[in-house]
Full PDB file with SEQRES, HELIX, SHEET, SSBOND, CRYST1, ORIGX, SCALE, CONECT and MASTER records, all heavy atoms in Angstrom:
SEQRES   1 A   34  ALA HIS LYS VAL LEU GLU ASN TYR ILE GLY LYS MET ASP          
SEQRES   2 A   34  SER LEU GLN LEU ALA GLY ASN CYS TYR SER ALA ALA GLU          
SEQRES   3 A   34  ALA ILE ASN PHE LEU GLN ARG GLU                              
HELIX    1 AA1 HIS A    2  GLY A   10  1                                   9    
HELIX    2 AA2 ALA A   24  ARG A   33  1                                  10    
CRYST1    1.000    1.000    1.000  90.00  90.00  90.00 P 1           1          
ORIGX1      1.000000  0.000000  0.000000        0.00000                         
ORIGX2      0.000000  1.000000  0.000000        0.00000                         
ORIGX3      0.000000  0.000000  1.000000        0.00000                         
SCALE1      1.000000  0.000000  0.000000        0.00000                         
SCALE2      0.000000  1.000000  0.000000        0.00000                         
SCALE3      0.000000  0.000000  1.000000        0.00000                         
ATOM      1  N   ALA A   1      18.348 -42.961 -27.643  1.00  0.00           N  
ATOM      2  CA  ALA A   1      17.486 -41.875 -28.125  1.00  0.00           C  
ATOM      3  C   ALA A   1      16.363 -41.605 -27.131  1.00  0.00           C  
ATOM      4  O   ALA A   1      15.962 -40.452 -26.917  1.00  0.00           O  
ATOM      5  CB  ALA A   1      16.911 -42.227 -29.496  1.00  0.00           C  
ATOM      6  N   HIS A   2      15.851 -42.659 -26.498  1.00  0.00           N  
ATOM      7  CA  HIS A   2      14.814 -42.499 -25.477  1.00  0.00           C  
ATOM      8  C   HIS A   2      15.350 -41.697 -24.297  1.00  0.00           C  
ATOM      9  O   HIS A   2      14.659 -40.822 -23.757  1.00  0.00           O  
ATOM     10  CB  HIS A   2      14.334 -43.873 -24.990  1.00  0.00           C  
ATOM     11  CG  HIS A   2      13.431 -44.574 -25.948  1.00  0.00           C  
ATOM     12  ND1 HIS A   2      12.064 -44.643 -25.786  1.00  0.00           N  
ATOM     13  CD2 HIS A   2      13.698 -45.235 -27.106  1.00  0.00           C  
ATOM     14  CE1 HIS A   2      11.529 -45.322 -26.781  1.00  0.00           C  
ATOM     15  NE2 HIS A   2      12.510 -45.696 -27.600  1.00  0.00           N  
ATOM     16  N   LYS A   3      16.572 -41.985 -23.900  1.00  0.00           N  
ATOM     17  CA  LYS A   3      17.162 -41.297 -22.748  1.00  0.00           C  
ATOM     18  C   LYS A   3      17.267 -39.799 -22.996  1.00  0.00           C  
ATOM     19  O   LYS A   3      16.975 -38.979 -22.107  1.00  0.00           O  
ATOM     20  CB  LYS A   3      18.543 -41.884 -22.435  1.00  0.00           C  
ATOM     21  CG  LYS A   3      18.522 -43.327 -21.961  1.00  0.00           C  
ATOM     22  CD  LYS A   3      17.766 -43.468 -20.643  1.00  0.00           C  
ATOM     23  CE  LYS A   3      17.795 -44.895 -20.137  1.00  0.00           C  
ATOM     24  NZ  LYS A   3      16.986 -45.060 -18.889  1.00  0.00           N  
ATOM     25  N   VAL A   4      17.685 -39.423 -24.196  1.00  0.00           N  
ATOM     26  CA  VAL A   4      17.814 -37.998 -24.536  1.00  0.00           C  
ATOM     27  C   VAL A   4      16.460 -37.303 -24.454  1.00  0.00           C  
ATOM     28  O   VAL A   4      16.308 -36.255 -23.815  1.00  0.00           O  
ATOM     29  CB  VAL A   4      18.422 -37.832 -25.945  1.00  0.00           C  
ATOM     30  CG1 VAL A   4      18.354 -36.362 -26.386  1.00  0.00           C  
ATOM     31  CG2 VAL A   4      19.859 -38.320 -25.969  1.00  0.00           C  
ATOM     32  N   LEU A   5      15.451 -37.885 -25.094  1.00  0.00           N  
ATOM     33  CA  LEU A   5      14.130 -37.255 -25.121  1.00  0.00           C  
ATOM     34  C   LEU A   5      13.464 -37.271 -23.747  1.00  0.00           C  
ATOM     35  O   LEU A   5      12.778 -36.323 -23.371  1.00  0.00           O  
ATOM     36  CB  LEU A   5      13.243 -37.950 -26.155  1.00  0.00           C  
ATOM     37  CG  LEU A   5      13.650 -37.724 -27.611  1.00  0.00           C  
ATOM     38  CD1 LEU A   5      12.810 -38.579 -28.542  1.00  0.00           C  
ATOM     39  CD2 LEU A   5      13.534 -36.257 -27.995  1.00  0.00           C  
ATOM     40  N   GLU A   6      13.663 -38.345 -22.989  1.00  0.00           N  
ATOM     41  CA  GLU A   6      13.127 -38.386 -21.620  1.00  0.00           C  
ATOM     42  C   GLU A   6      13.697 -37.239 -20.790  1.00  0.00           C  
ATOM     43  O   GLU A   6      12.975 -36.586 -20.020  1.00  0.00           O  
ATOM     44  CB  GLU A   6      13.476 -39.719 -20.963  1.00  0.00           C  
ATOM     45  CG  GLU A   6      12.668 -40.903 -21.452  1.00  0.00           C  
ATOM     46  CD  GLU A   6      13.180 -42.204 -20.863  1.00  0.00           C  
ATOM     47  OE1 GLU A   6      14.058 -42.170 -19.965  1.00  0.00           O  
ATOM     48  OE2 GLU A   6      12.717 -43.273 -21.299  1.00  0.00           O  
ATOM     49  N   ASN A   7      14.989 -36.996 -20.947  1.00  0.00           N  
ATOM     50  CA  ASN A   7      15.647 -35.908 -20.219  1.00  0.00           C  
ATOM     51  C   ASN A   7      15.060 -34.557 -20.609  1.00  0.00           C  
ATOM     52  O   ASN A   7      14.752 -33.719 -19.748  1.00  0.00           O  
ATOM     53  CB  ASN A   7      17.144 -35.941 -20.510  1.00  0.00           C  
ATOM     54  CG  ASN A   7      17.901 -34.835 -19.807  1.00  0.00           C  
ATOM     55  OD1 ASN A   7      17.594 -34.477 -18.672  1.00  0.00           O  
ATOM     56  ND2 ASN A   7      18.889 -34.272 -20.479  1.00  0.00           N  
ATOM     57  N   TYR A   8      14.860 -34.341 -21.900  1.00  0.00           N  
ATOM     58  CA  TYR A   8      14.323 -33.067 -22.379  1.00  0.00           C  
ATOM     59  C   TYR A   8      12.875 -32.877 -21.932  1.00  0.00           C  
ATOM     60  O   TYR A   8      12.481 -31.776 -21.503  1.00  0.00           O  
ATOM     61  CB  TYR A   8      14.400 -33.000 -23.909  1.00  0.00           C  
ATOM     62  CG  TYR A   8      15.796 -32.879 -24.472  1.00  0.00           C  
ATOM     63  CD1 TYR A   8      16.039 -33.006 -25.833  1.00  0.00           C  
ATOM     64  CD2 TYR A   8      16.895 -32.644 -23.642  1.00  0.00           C  
ATOM     65  CE1 TYR A   8      17.306 -32.882 -26.361  1.00  0.00           C  
ATOM     66  CE2 TYR A   8      18.179 -32.530 -24.157  1.00  0.00           C  
ATOM     67  CZ  TYR A   8      18.371 -32.648 -25.527  1.00  0.00           C  
ATOM     68  OH  TYR A   8      19.634 -32.539 -26.044  1.00  0.00           O  
ATOM     69  N   ILE A   9      12.067 -33.934 -22.026  1.00  0.00           N  
ATOM     70  CA  ILE A   9      10.665 -33.849 -21.603  1.00  0.00           C  
ATOM     71  C   ILE A   9      10.581 -33.516 -20.114  1.00  0.00           C  
ATOM     72  O   ILE A   9       9.759 -32.707 -19.679  1.00  0.00           O  
ATOM     73  CB  ILE A   9       9.934 -35.174 -21.916  1.00  0.00           C  
ATOM     74  CG1 ILE A   9       9.768 -35.332 -23.428  1.00  0.00           C  
ATOM     75  CG2 ILE A   9       8.574 -35.234 -21.219  1.00  0.00           C  
ATOM     76  CD1 ILE A   9       9.283 -36.699 -23.859  1.00  0.00           C  
ATOM     77  N   GLY A  10      11.474 -34.124 -19.320  1.00  0.00           N  
ATOM     78  CA  GLY A  10      11.484 -33.888 -17.883  1.00  0.00           C  
ATOM     79  C   GLY A  10      11.834 -32.469 -17.498  1.00  0.00           C  
ATOM     80  O   GLY A  10      11.513 -32.017 -16.390  1.00  0.00           O  
ATOM     81  N   LYS A  11      12.491 -31.747 -18.404  1.00  0.00           N  
ATOM     82  CA  LYS A  11      12.881 -30.364 -18.120  1.00  0.00           C  
ATOM     83  C   LYS A  11      11.759 -29.359 -18.380  1.00  0.00           C  
ATOM     84  O   LYS A  11      11.881 -28.192 -18.002  1.00  0.00           O  
ATOM     85  CB  LYS A  11      14.092 -29.976 -18.977  1.00  0.00           C  
ATOM     86  CG  LYS A  11      15.386 -30.673 -18.592  1.00  0.00           C  
ATOM     87  CD  LYS A  11      16.530 -30.212 -19.480  1.00  0.00           C  
ATOM     88  CE  LYS A  11      17.842 -30.854 -19.058  1.00  0.00           C  
ATOM     89  NZ  LYS A  11      18.976 -30.409 -19.901  1.00  0.00           N  
ATOM     90  N   MET A  12      10.685 -29.795 -19.025  1.00  0.00           N  
ATOM     91  CA  MET A  12       9.615 -28.872 -19.391  1.00  0.00           C  
ATOM     92  C   MET A  12       8.353 -29.165 -18.586  1.00  0.00           C  
ATOM     93  O   MET A  12       7.806 -30.280 -18.639  1.00  0.00           O  
ATOM     94  CB  MET A  12       9.325 -28.967 -20.899  1.00  0.00           C  
ATOM     95  CG  MET A  12      10.544 -28.621 -21.754  1.00  0.00           C  
ATOM     96  SD  MET A  12      10.143 -28.398 -23.502  1.00  0.00           S  
ATOM     97  CE  MET A  12       9.119 -26.919 -23.444  1.00  0.00           C  
ATOM     98  N   ASP A  13       7.885 -28.162 -17.855  1.00  0.00           N  
ATOM     99  CA  ASP A  13       6.713 -28.323 -16.989  1.00  0.00           C  
ATOM    100  C   ASP A  13       5.445 -28.638 -17.776  1.00  0.00           C  
ATOM    101  O   ASP A  13       4.496 -29.203 -17.230  1.00  0.00           O  
ATOM    102  CB  ASP A  13       6.481 -27.051 -16.167  1.00  0.00           C  
ATOM    103  CG  ASP A  13       7.587 -26.820 -15.145  1.00  0.00           C  
ATOM    104  OD1 ASP A  13       8.275 -27.800 -14.797  1.00  0.00           O  
ATOM    105  OD2 ASP A  13       7.756 -25.668 -14.711  1.00  0.00           O  
ATOM    106  N   SER A  14       5.425 -28.264 -19.051  1.00  0.00           N  
ATOM    107  CA  SER A  14       4.220 -28.453 -19.861  1.00  0.00           C  
ATOM    108  C   SER A  14       4.124 -29.849 -20.469  1.00  0.00           C  
ATOM    109  O   SER A  14       3.114 -30.172 -21.097  1.00  0.00           O  
ATOM    110  CB  SER A  14       4.183 -27.407 -20.978  1.00  0.00           C  
ATOM    111  OG  SER A  14       5.386 -27.459 -21.723  1.00  0.00           O  
ATOM    112  N   LEU A  15       5.173 -30.674 -20.303  1.00  0.00           N  
ATOM    113  CA  LEU A  15       5.190 -31.997 -20.918  1.00  0.00           C  
ATOM    114  C   LEU A  15       5.198 -33.104 -19.870  1.00  0.00           C  
ATOM    115  O   LEU A  15       5.745 -32.951 -18.778  1.00  0.00           O  
ATOM    116  CB  LEU A  15       6.423 -32.151 -21.819  1.00  0.00           C  
ATOM    117  CG  LEU A  15       6.595 -31.140 -22.954  1.00  0.00           C  
ATOM    118  CD1 LEU A  15       7.829 -31.483 -23.774  1.00  0.00           C  
ATOM    119  CD2 LEU A  15       5.360 -31.080 -23.833  1.00  0.00           C  
ATOM    120  N   GLN A  16       4.620 -34.236 -20.255  1.00  0.00           N  
ATOM    121  CA  GLN A  16       4.591 -35.413 -19.391  1.00  0.00           C  
ATOM    122  C   GLN A  16       4.836 -36.648 -20.256  1.00  0.00           C  
ATOM    123  O   GLN A  16       4.225 -36.807 -21.311  1.00  0.00           O  
ATOM    124  CB  GLN A  16       3.227 -35.531 -18.702  1.00  0.00           C  
ATOM    125  CG  GLN A  16       3.075 -36.758 -17.814  1.00  0.00           C  
ATOM    126  CD  GLN A  16       1.664 -36.874 -17.258  1.00  0.00           C  
ATOM    127  OE1 GLN A  16       0.696 -36.558 -17.951  1.00  0.00           O  
ATOM    128  NE2 GLN A  16       1.540 -37.295 -16.025  1.00  0.00           N  
ATOM    129  N   LEU A  17       5.748 -37.520 -19.813  1.00  0.00           N  
ATOM    130  CA  LEU A  17       6.025 -38.737 -20.562  1.00  0.00           C  
ATOM    131  C   LEU A  17       4.895 -39.740 -20.349  1.00  0.00           C  
ATOM    132  O   LEU A  17       4.622 -40.166 -19.231  1.00  0.00           O  
ATOM    133  CB  LEU A  17       7.359 -39.341 -20.111  1.00  0.00           C  
ATOM    134  CG  LEU A  17       7.789 -40.615 -20.845  1.00  0.00           C  
ATOM    135  CD1 LEU A  17       8.000 -40.337 -22.323  1.00  0.00           C  
ATOM    136  CD2 LEU A  17       9.064 -41.193 -20.220  1.00  0.00           C  
ATOM    137  N   ALA A  18       4.246 -40.125 -21.452  1.00  0.00           N  
ATOM    138  CA  ALA A  18       3.142 -41.087 -21.377  1.00  0.00           C  
ATOM    139  C   ALA A  18       3.631 -42.513 -21.576  1.00  0.00           C  
ATOM    140  O   ALA A  18       3.025 -43.455 -21.056  1.00  0.00           O  
ATOM    141  CB  ALA A  18       2.086 -40.757 -22.428  1.00  0.00           C  
ATOM    142  N   GLY A  19       4.716 -42.688 -22.337  1.00  0.00           N  
ATOM    143  CA  GLY A  19       5.202 -44.040 -22.568  1.00  0.00           C  
ATOM    144  C   GLY A  19       6.375 -44.082 -23.520  1.00  0.00           C  
ATOM    145  O   GLY A  19       6.743 -43.085 -24.143  1.00  0.00           O  
ATOM    146  N   ASN A  20       6.977 -45.275 -23.620  1.00  0.00           N  
ATOM    147  CA  ASN A  20       8.104 -45.534 -24.509  1.00  0.00           C  
ATOM    148  C   ASN A  20       7.783 -46.750 -25.364  1.00  0.00           C  
ATOM    149  O   ASN A  20       7.380 -47.788 -24.838  1.00  0.00           O  
ATOM    150  CB  ASN A  20       9.384 -45.820 -23.721  1.00  0.00           C  
ATOM    151  CG  ASN A  20       9.796 -44.672 -22.829  1.00  0.00           C  
ATOM    152  OD1 ASN A  20       9.177 -44.414 -21.798  1.00  0.00           O  
ATOM    153  ND2 ASN A  20      10.855 -43.976 -23.190  1.00  0.00           N  
ATOM    154  N   CYS A  21       7.971 -46.640 -26.664  1.00  0.00           N  
ATOM    155  CA  CYS A  21       7.779 -47.767 -27.570  1.00  0.00           C  
ATOM    156  C   CYS A  21       9.039 -47.929 -28.417  1.00  0.00           C  
ATOM    157  O   CYS A  21       9.653 -46.938 -28.826  1.00  0.00           O  
ATOM    158  CB  CYS A  21       6.567 -47.556 -28.470  1.00  0.00           C  
ATOM    159  SG  CYS A  21       4.990 -47.535 -27.573  1.00  0.00           S  
ATOM    160  N   TYR A  22       9.394 -49.182 -28.707  1.00  0.00           N  
ATOM    161  CA  TYR A  22      10.640 -49.457 -29.410  1.00  0.00           C  
ATOM    162  C   TYR A  22      10.413 -50.005 -30.820  1.00  0.00           C  
ATOM    163  O   TYR A  22      11.356 -50.420 -31.485  1.00  0.00           O  
ATOM    164  CB  TYR A  22      11.499 -50.415 -28.577  1.00  0.00           C  
ATOM    165  CG  TYR A  22      11.950 -49.772 -27.286  1.00  0.00           C  
ATOM    166  CD1 TYR A  22      11.133 -49.795 -26.158  1.00  0.00           C  
ATOM    167  CD2 TYR A  22      13.155 -49.072 -27.213  1.00  0.00           C  
ATOM    168  CE1 TYR A  22      11.528 -49.162 -24.977  1.00  0.00           C  
ATOM    169  CE2 TYR A  22      13.546 -48.442 -26.043  1.00  0.00           C  
ATOM    170  CZ  TYR A  22      12.729 -48.492 -24.931  1.00  0.00           C  
ATOM    171  OH  TYR A  22      13.111 -47.853 -23.769  1.00  0.00           O  
ATOM    172  N   SER A  23       9.169 -49.967 -31.278  1.00  0.00           N  
ATOM    173  CA  SER A  23       8.849 -50.335 -32.657  1.00  0.00           C  
ATOM    174  C   SER A  23       7.546 -49.652 -33.041  1.00  0.00           C  
ATOM    175  O   SER A  23       6.761 -49.227 -32.183  1.00  0.00           O  
ATOM    176  CB  SER A  23       8.696 -51.849 -32.801  1.00  0.00           C  
ATOM    177  OG  SER A  23       7.509 -52.296 -32.159  1.00  0.00           O  
ATOM    178  N   ALA A  24       7.311 -49.542 -34.357  1.00  0.00           N  
ATOM    179  CA  ALA A  24       6.088 -48.916 -34.840  1.00  0.00           C  
ATOM    180  C   ALA A  24       4.857 -49.733 -34.437  1.00  0.00           C  
ATOM    181  O   ALA A  24       3.820 -49.178 -34.060  1.00  0.00           O  
ATOM    182  CB  ALA A  24       6.149 -48.755 -36.358  1.00  0.00           C  
ATOM    183  N   ALA A  25       4.978 -51.060 -34.490  1.00  0.00           N  
ATOM    184  CA  ALA A  25       3.840 -51.913 -34.127  1.00  0.00           C  
ATOM    185  C   ALA A  25       3.456 -51.722 -32.662  1.00  0.00           C  
ATOM    186  O   ALA A  25       2.273 -51.636 -32.322  1.00  0.00           O  
ATOM    187  CB  ALA A  25       4.189 -53.378 -34.391  1.00  0.00           C  
ATOM    188  N   GLU A  26       4.463 -51.628 -31.799  1.00  0.00           N  
ATOM    189  CA  GLU A  26       4.205 -51.387 -30.379  1.00  0.00           C  
ATOM    190  C   GLU A  26       3.517 -50.039 -30.175  1.00  0.00           C  
ATOM    191  O   GLU A  26       2.593 -49.910 -29.359  1.00  0.00           O  
ATOM    192  CB  GLU A  26       5.521 -51.442 -29.604  1.00  0.00           C  
ATOM    193  CG  GLU A  26       5.363 -51.315 -28.101  1.00  0.00           C  
ATOM    194  CD  GLU A  26       6.700 -51.297 -27.362  1.00  0.00           C  
ATOM    195  OE1 GLU A  26       7.751 -51.462 -28.024  1.00  0.00           O  
ATOM    196  OE2 GLU A  26       6.678 -51.095 -26.129  1.00  0.00           O  
ATOM    197  N   ALA A  27       3.951 -49.043 -30.954  1.00  0.00           N  
ATOM    198  CA  ALA A  27       3.371 -47.696 -30.828  1.00  0.00           C  
ATOM    199  C   ALA A  27       1.920 -47.674 -31.293  1.00  0.00           C  
ATOM    200  O   ALA A  27       1.073 -47.012 -30.682  1.00  0.00           O  
ATOM    201  CB  ALA A  27       4.201 -46.701 -31.625  1.00  0.00           C  
ATOM    202  N   ILE A  28       1.617 -48.391 -32.373  1.00  0.00           N  
ATOM    203  CA  ILE A  28       0.240 -48.428 -32.874  1.00  0.00           C  
ATOM    204  C   ILE A  28      -0.683 -49.030 -31.811  1.00  0.00           C  
ATOM    205  O   ILE A  28      -1.787 -48.517 -31.559  1.00  0.00           O  
ATOM    206  CB  ILE A  28       0.169 -49.234 -34.189  1.00  0.00           C  
ATOM    207  CG1 ILE A  28       0.872 -48.459 -35.314  1.00  0.00           C  
ATOM    208  CG2 ILE A  28      -1.280 -49.520 -34.571  1.00  0.00           C  
ATOM    209  CD1 ILE A  28       1.020 -49.240 -36.606  1.00  0.00           C  
ATOM    210  N   ASN A  29      -0.244 -50.088 -31.171  1.00  0.00           N  
ATOM    211  CA  ASN A  29      -1.038 -50.710 -30.106  1.00  0.00           C  
ATOM    212  C   ASN A  29      -1.210 -49.761 -28.920  1.00  0.00           C  
ATOM    213  O   ASN A  29      -2.285 -49.678 -28.326  1.00  0.00           O  
ATOM    214  CB  ASN A  29      -0.375 -52.009 -29.638  1.00  0.00           C  
ATOM    215  CG  ASN A  29      -0.462 -53.101 -30.680  1.00  0.00           C  
ATOM    216  OD1 ASN A  29      -1.397 -53.138 -31.475  1.00  0.00           O  
ATOM    217  ND2 ASN A  29       0.523 -53.983 -30.709  1.00  0.00           N  
ATOM    218  N   PHE A  30      -0.142 -49.028 -28.590  1.00  0.00           N  
ATOM    219  CA  PHE A  30      -0.197 -48.077 -27.473  1.00  0.00           C  
ATOM    220  C   PHE A  30      -1.236 -46.992 -27.766  1.00  0.00           C  
ATOM    221  O   PHE A  30      -2.035 -46.626 -26.896  1.00  0.00           O  
ATOM    222  CB  PHE A  30       1.183 -47.459 -27.258  1.00  0.00           C  
ATOM    223  CG  PHE A  30       1.276 -46.578 -26.047  1.00  0.00           C  
ATOM    224  CD1 PHE A  30       1.790 -47.065 -24.851  1.00  0.00           C  
ATOM    225  CD2 PHE A  30       0.850 -45.251 -26.081  1.00  0.00           C  
ATOM    226  CE1 PHE A  30       1.875 -46.252 -23.726  1.00  0.00           C  
ATOM    227  CE2 PHE A  30       0.921 -44.435 -24.974  1.00  0.00           C  
ATOM    228  CZ  PHE A  30       1.446 -44.940 -23.779  1.00  0.00           C  
ATOM    229  N   LEU A  31      -1.234 -46.465 -28.987  1.00  0.00           N  
ATOM    230  CA  LEU A  31      -2.146 -45.376 -29.350  1.00  0.00           C  
ATOM    231  C   LEU A  31      -3.602 -45.827 -29.362  1.00  0.00           C  
ATOM    232  O   LEU A  31      -4.505 -44.996 -29.241  1.00  0.00           O  
ATOM    233  CB  LEU A  31      -1.753 -44.808 -30.720  1.00  0.00           C  
ATOM    234  CG  LEU A  31      -0.431 -44.025 -30.753  1.00  0.00           C  
ATOM    235  CD1 LEU A  31      -0.046 -43.698 -32.193  1.00  0.00           C  
ATOM    236  CD2 LEU A  31      -0.528 -42.748 -29.929  1.00  0.00           C  
ATOM    237  N   GLN A  32      -3.829 -47.116 -29.536  1.00  0.00           N  
ATOM    238  CA  GLN A  32      -5.197 -47.630 -29.485  1.00  0.00           C  
ATOM    239  C   GLN A  32      -5.718 -47.699 -28.054  1.00  0.00           C  
ATOM    240  O   GLN A  32      -6.929 -47.686 -27.829  1.00  0.00           O  
ATOM    241  CB  GLN A  32      -5.246 -49.019 -30.129  1.00  0.00           C  
ATOM    242  CG  GLN A  32      -5.055 -48.991 -31.640  1.00  0.00           C  
ATOM    243  CD  GLN A  32      -4.971 -50.374 -32.254  1.00  0.00           C  
ATOM    244  OE1 GLN A  32      -4.768 -51.374 -31.557  1.00  0.00           O  
ATOM    245  NE2 GLN A  32      -5.128 -50.446 -33.561  1.00  0.00           N  
ATOM    246  N   ARG A  33      -4.784 -47.736 -27.080  1.00  0.00           N  
ATOM    247  CA  ARG A  33      -5.177 -47.846 -25.668  1.00  0.00           C  
ATOM    248  C   ARG A  33      -5.145 -46.516 -24.931  1.00  0.00           C  
ATOM    249  O   ARG A  33      -5.927 -46.286 -24.024  1.00  0.00           O  
ATOM    250  CB  ARG A  33      -4.229 -48.808 -24.921  1.00  0.00           C  
ATOM    251  CG  ARG A  33      -4.144 -50.201 -25.470  1.00  0.00           C  
ATOM    252  CD  ARG A  33      -3.357 -51.101 -24.498  1.00  0.00           C  
ATOM    253  NE  ARG A  33      -2.099 -50.503 -24.091  1.00  0.00           N  
ATOM    254  CZ  ARG A  33      -0.937 -50.735 -24.697  1.00  0.00           C  
ATOM    255  NH1 ARG A  33      -0.885 -51.549 -25.738  1.00  0.00           N  
ATOM    256  NH2 ARG A  33       0.168 -50.169 -24.257  1.00  0.00           N  
ATOM    257  N   GLU A  34      -4.193 -45.657 -25.324  1.00  0.00           N  
ATOM    258  CA  GLU A  34      -3.921 -44.442 -24.547  1.00  0.00           C  
ATOM    259  C   GLU A  34      -4.073 -43.209 -25.422  1.00  0.00           C  
ATOM    260  O   GLU A  34      -3.857 -43.243 -26.628  1.00  0.00           O  
ATOM    261  CB  GLU A  34      -2.489 -44.486 -23.999  1.00  0.00           C  
ATOM    262  CG  GLU A  34      -2.170 -45.732 -23.214  1.00  0.00           C  
ATOM    263  CD  GLU A  34      -2.264 -45.503 -21.729  1.00  0.00           C  
ATOM    264  OE1 GLU A  34      -2.563 -44.372 -21.313  1.00  0.00           O  
ATOM    265  OE2 GLU A  34      -2.036 -46.474 -20.992  1.00  0.00           O  
TER     266      GLU A  34                                                      
MASTER        0    0    0    2    0    0    0    6  265    1    0    3          
END                                                                             
């Protein structure tokens, strides 16, 4: 699923990939930093 979305994000000049998280807990920690 990450590969699909990474590909789509890369096709749009207005978007930039900030990161990938593989669990909700990892994402919560990421959002506290970035």
